[in-house]
Protein backbone atom coordinates (compact mmCIF):
# COMPACT_ATOMS: atom_id res chain seq x y z
CA UNK A 1 -33.39 11.82 -5.06
CA UNK A 2 -31.10 11.38 -3.03
CA UNK A 3 -27.81 10.39 -5.69
CA UNK A 4 -29.40 13.86 -7.76
CA UNK A 5 -28.57 16.46 -5.26
CA UNK A 6 -25.38 14.35 -3.98
CA UNK A 7 -24.57 14.05 -7.53
CA UNK A 8 -25.36 18.00 -8.41
CA UNK A 9 -23.81 19.04 -5.39
CA UNK A 10 -20.04 17.26 -6.30
CA UNK A 11 -20.38 18.66 -9.70
CA UNK A 12 -21.50 22.45 -8.05
CA UNK A 13 -18.41 21.48 -6.18
CA UNK A 14 -15.92 20.24 -8.48
CA UNK A 15 -16.61 22.92 -10.69
CA UNK A 16 -16.30 25.80 -7.85
CA UNK A 17 -12.87 23.94 -7.77
CA UNK A 18 -12.19 24.24 -12.06
CA UNK A 19 -12.04 27.61 -11.20
CA UNK A 20 -10.20 28.54 -8.90
CA UNK A 21 -7.49 25.56 -10.33
CA UNK A 22 -8.06 27.95 -13.48
CA UNK A 23 -3.68 28.31 -14.93
CA UNK A 24 -3.02 25.44 -12.82
CA UNK A 25 -0.31 22.69 -14.15
CA UNK A 26 1.67 20.24 -12.93
CA UNK A 27 2.91 16.99 -13.99
CA UNK A 28 2.05 14.49 -10.40
CA UNK A 29 -1.41 14.28 -9.13
CA UNK A 30 0.56 14.30 -5.63
CA UNK A 31 2.52 17.79 -6.09
CA UNK A 32 0.30 19.39 -3.70
CA UNK A 33 3.43 20.98 -2.42
CA UNK A 34 3.61 23.08 -6.47
CA UNK A 35 0.17 23.55 -6.11
CA UNK A 36 -0.45 25.88 -3.07
CA UNK A 37 3.06 27.29 -4.64
CA UNK A 38 0.92 28.18 -8.06
CA UNK A 39 -2.25 29.13 -5.75
CA UNK A 40 -0.06 30.93 -3.47
CA UNK A 41 0.61 33.34 -7.01
CA UNK A 42 -2.77 33.26 -8.03
CA UNK A 43 -4.07 34.52 -4.94
CA UNK A 44 -2.05 37.53 -3.94
CA UNK A 45 -1.28 35.63 -0.84
CA UNK A 46 1.58 33.56 0.83
CA UNK A 47 0.06 29.59 1.09
CA UNK A 48 1.92 27.84 3.46
CA UNK A 49 2.69 23.85 4.29
CA UNK A 50 3.83 22.78 7.43
CA UNK A 51 4.09 18.74 9.24
CA UNK A 52 2.06 18.35 11.90
CA UNK A 53 3.38 17.31 15.58
CA UNK A 54 2.70 14.09 15.77
CA UNK A 55 -0.29 14.04 18.40
CA UNK A 56 -2.02 10.57 18.78
CA UNK A 57 -5.61 10.08 20.27
CA UNK A 58 -8.29 8.97 18.50
CA UNK A 59 -9.65 12.75 18.20
CA UNK A 60 -6.64 14.83 16.82
CA UNK A 61 -6.57 16.04 13.53
CA UNK A 62 -4.88 14.56 10.87
CA UNK A 63 -4.76 17.88 9.21
CA UNK A 64 -5.79 21.94 9.78
CA UNK A 65 -6.75 24.83 7.70
CA UNK A 66 -5.08 28.22 9.90
CA UNK A 67 -5.28 31.49 8.08
CA UNK A 68 -3.52 33.99 8.95
CA UNK A 69 -3.80 37.99 7.78
CA UNK A 70 -0.16 37.42 6.65
CA UNK A 71 -1.43 33.91 4.63
CA UNK A 72 -2.48 30.57 5.09
CA UNK A 73 -1.13 27.66 6.78
CA UNK A 74 -1.87 24.04 6.08
CA UNK A 75 -0.31 21.76 7.83
CA UNK A 76 -0.66 17.59 7.88
CA UNK A 77 0.44 14.44 9.60
CA UNK A 78 3.68 13.48 9.50
CA UNK A 79 3.87 9.43 9.61
CA UNK A 80 2.04 8.94 6.65
CA UNK A 81 1.41 8.16 2.90
CA UNK A 82 1.90 10.12 -0.50
CA UNK A 83 -1.19 9.55 -1.34
CA UNK A 84 -3.06 9.70 2.15
CA UNK A 85 -1.55 13.47 3.03
CA UNK A 86 -2.30 14.34 -0.64
CA UNK A 87 -5.64 13.95 0.11
CA UNK A 88 -5.42 15.74 3.93
CA UNK A 89 -3.38 18.97 1.39
CA UNK A 90 -6.73 18.31 -0.63
CA UNK A 91 -9.24 18.45 2.35
CA UNK A 92 -7.86 21.38 4.06
CA UNK A 93 -7.05 24.05 0.83
CA UNK A 94 -10.74 22.39 -0.96
CA UNK A 95 -12.14 24.40 2.92
CA UNK A 96 -9.55 27.71 1.01
CA UNK A 97 -11.28 27.50 -2.45
CA UNK A 98 -15.57 26.87 -0.88
CA UNK A 99 -14.90 30.22 1.89
CA UNK A 100 -15.03 27.35 5.05
CA UNK A 101 -15.26 29.79 7.97
CA UNK A 102 -14.76 27.90 10.99
CA UNK A 103 -17.73 26.82 12.83
CA UNK A 104 -17.25 27.94 15.74
CA UNK A 105 -15.24 29.02 19.06
CA UNK A 106 -14.37 26.33 21.03
CA UNK A 107 -13.72 24.00 17.70
CA UNK A 108 -11.30 27.17 16.77
CA UNK A 109 -9.73 26.91 19.99
CA UNK A 110 -8.81 22.78 20.66
CA UNK A 111 -7.39 23.13 17.51
CA UNK A 112 -5.29 26.01 18.91
CA UNK A 113 -4.46 23.94 21.54
CA UNK A 114 -2.24 21.27 19.42
CA UNK A 115 -0.43 23.68 16.93
CA UNK A 116 3.24 24.80 17.98
CA UNK A 117 4.26 27.41 20.43
CA UNK A 118 3.82 30.43 19.39
CA UNK A 119 1.24 30.86 17.29
CA UNK A 120 -1.45 34.34 18.78
CA UNK A 121 -4.34 32.66 18.74
CA UNK A 122 -5.82 36.27 18.64
CA UNK A 123 -4.36 36.95 14.99
CA UNK A 124 -6.51 33.96 13.31
CA UNK A 125 -8.95 34.82 11.16
CA UNK A 126 -10.20 30.85 10.17
CA UNK A 127 -9.11 27.43 12.35
CA UNK A 128 -10.51 24.52 10.29
CA UNK A 129 -9.34 21.41 11.22
CA UNK A 130 -10.35 17.18 9.92
CA UNK A 131 -11.38 15.20 13.05
CA UNK A 132 -14.63 14.09 10.43
CA UNK A 133 -17.39 15.06 8.61
CA UNK A 134 -19.91 15.18 10.63
CA UNK A 135 -20.77 19.34 9.63
CA UNK A 136 -21.81 20.17 6.50
CA UNK A 137 -18.55 22.05 5.43
CA UNK A 138 -16.44 19.05 7.06
CA UNK A 139 -18.45 16.30 4.08
CA UNK A 140 -18.28 19.71 1.29
CA UNK A 141 -14.57 19.45 1.72
CA UNK A 142 -14.03 15.89 1.78
CA UNK A 143 -16.03 16.04 -1.39
CA UNK A 144 -14.27 18.56 -2.90
CA UNK A 145 -10.78 17.12 -2.30
CA UNK A 146 -12.12 13.64 -3.80
CA UNK A 147 -13.08 15.73 -7.16
CA UNK A 148 -9.08 17.86 -6.31
CA UNK A 149 -7.78 14.74 -7.20
CA UNK A 150 -9.28 13.77 -10.12
CA UNK A 151 -8.18 17.36 -11.17
CA UNK A 152 -4.72 16.79 -10.72
CA UNK A 153 -5.09 13.52 -11.51
CA UNK A 154 -6.60 15.50 -15.82
CA UNK A 155 -3.96 18.14 -14.92
CA UNK A 156 -0.96 15.69 -14.83
CA UNK A 157 -2.30 13.55 -17.80
CA UNK A 158 -3.17 16.76 -20.50
CA UNK A 159 0.76 17.52 -20.16
CA UNK A 160 1.61 14.42 -22.02
CA UNK A 161 4.15 13.38 -24.43
CA UNK A 162 3.06 13.58 -27.90
CA UNK A 163 5.88 10.94 -28.90
CA UNK A 164 4.49 8.57 -25.50
CA UNK A 165 3.87 4.77 -26.72
CA UNK A 166 0.34 3.62 -28.18
CA UNK A 167 1.49 1.13 -24.86
CA UNK A 168 1.78 2.87 -22.16
CA UNK A 169 -0.78 5.39 -23.01
CA UNK A 170 -3.51 2.62 -23.09
CA UNK A 171 -1.45 0.92 -19.71
CA UNK A 172 -1.93 4.39 -17.79
CA UNK A 173 -5.83 4.75 -19.04
CA UNK A 174 -6.94 1.14 -17.96
CA UNK A 175 -5.34 1.39 -14.40
CA UNK A 176 -6.80 4.71 -13.88
CA UNK A 177 -10.30 4.63 -12.54
CA UNK A 178 -13.16 4.00 -14.86
CA UNK A 179 -14.91 7.11 -13.95
CA UNK A 180 -12.20 8.76 -14.12
CA UNK A 181 -11.32 7.25 -17.67
CA UNK A 182 -11.20 9.52 -20.60
CA UNK A 183 -11.30 8.03 -23.29
CA UNK A 184 -14.01 5.68 -22.52
């Protein structure tokens, strides 16, 4: 029963993400900067990516999403791999795409305490930070981030060159996760 409920939830989150990504084209599954630019255009609302200053500490967030009247801002840690950076950004994008809002004032206050100087706390509409997955919101965002990763892969591979050598296509398909292998 748990597996069916989990699968239904995952499918629902994926559908929501697919709807939001309709019309987005990318060439690289890790091109989160390009996805953010296209989503900003599609939504008619600025979406900015920033590096998060190294905060250290066990409970320091590795990603933040902060919304203002003037636009949305996603922050990610600097010292990480391209793959991990992409997952952090996808997680924060998932919060936006799923319409998540701040869960409580103390969380918002603690997140704003790590922000660069000049951020006016009274102007913040929503602030979410990626530190743990204790809440349903964070769990859903992480599940949706994984779905976004799969969707980005599909978007990147949907534009394959028509004359691409068969051996390269087979090698690429063999190395992709079995659930995502569209040919099997």
